[in-house]
Amino acid sequence: MNFVSEKTFKASCVLCIVLFAMNFYLPEKVSIFLIGDSTMSNKLAGDEPEKGWGQLFPEYFNDQVLIENHAKNGRSTKSFINEGLWKKVLDRIKPGDFVLIQFGHNDSKASDSTRYAEANITYKNNLINYILETRNKGGIPVLITPVNRRKFDEHGNFVDQHGDYPKVVREVAAE
């Protein structure tokens, strides 16, 4: 009985050869750049036990992966660009690097013109620009929805704090 087609067998053989050859190839370190707000950023020792999730992220990788956490407290997609923080990251991206992008908390602050980015217009366009510029450098963008704030009403029901921002991230990712 023939369980595997000839085409599948040949493709499997090629894959095995490639995987075997990779054991002898030591690639350049891959960098993972983190850009975002306080929920991702490194916190000072005096801020403990508060930590951004990006602060703990390096613990899950070996020395072949370099984690560069550029996330900053209070930043939005707009202020991260306007303050020149994105340019510093963009200048360092090389082919095969990853850029994890997580904003939304501060983009929603309509009372602050330096950070506010309307979800379905400016925020969406900023995310698209981050993706395109990362890809133009040969990097791999990864969109992350904003981390939920822990806010509950008097009955213990979750109170949404992000409105359309998570939805926009998912829409841009799907596009």
Foldseek 3Di string as FASTA:
>chain_A
DDPDDPVRVVVVVVVVVVVVVVVVDDDQAAEEEEEEAQLQAADDPVPPPDGRVVNCVVVVDDPSYHYHYLYYHLAALQLCVVVCVLVVVLVPQAAPHEYEYEYQLNCCPPVDPSHHAPQVPRNLVSVVVSCVSCVVRNYHYDYDYYDFDQDADPVRHGDGDRPCNRVSSVVSVVD
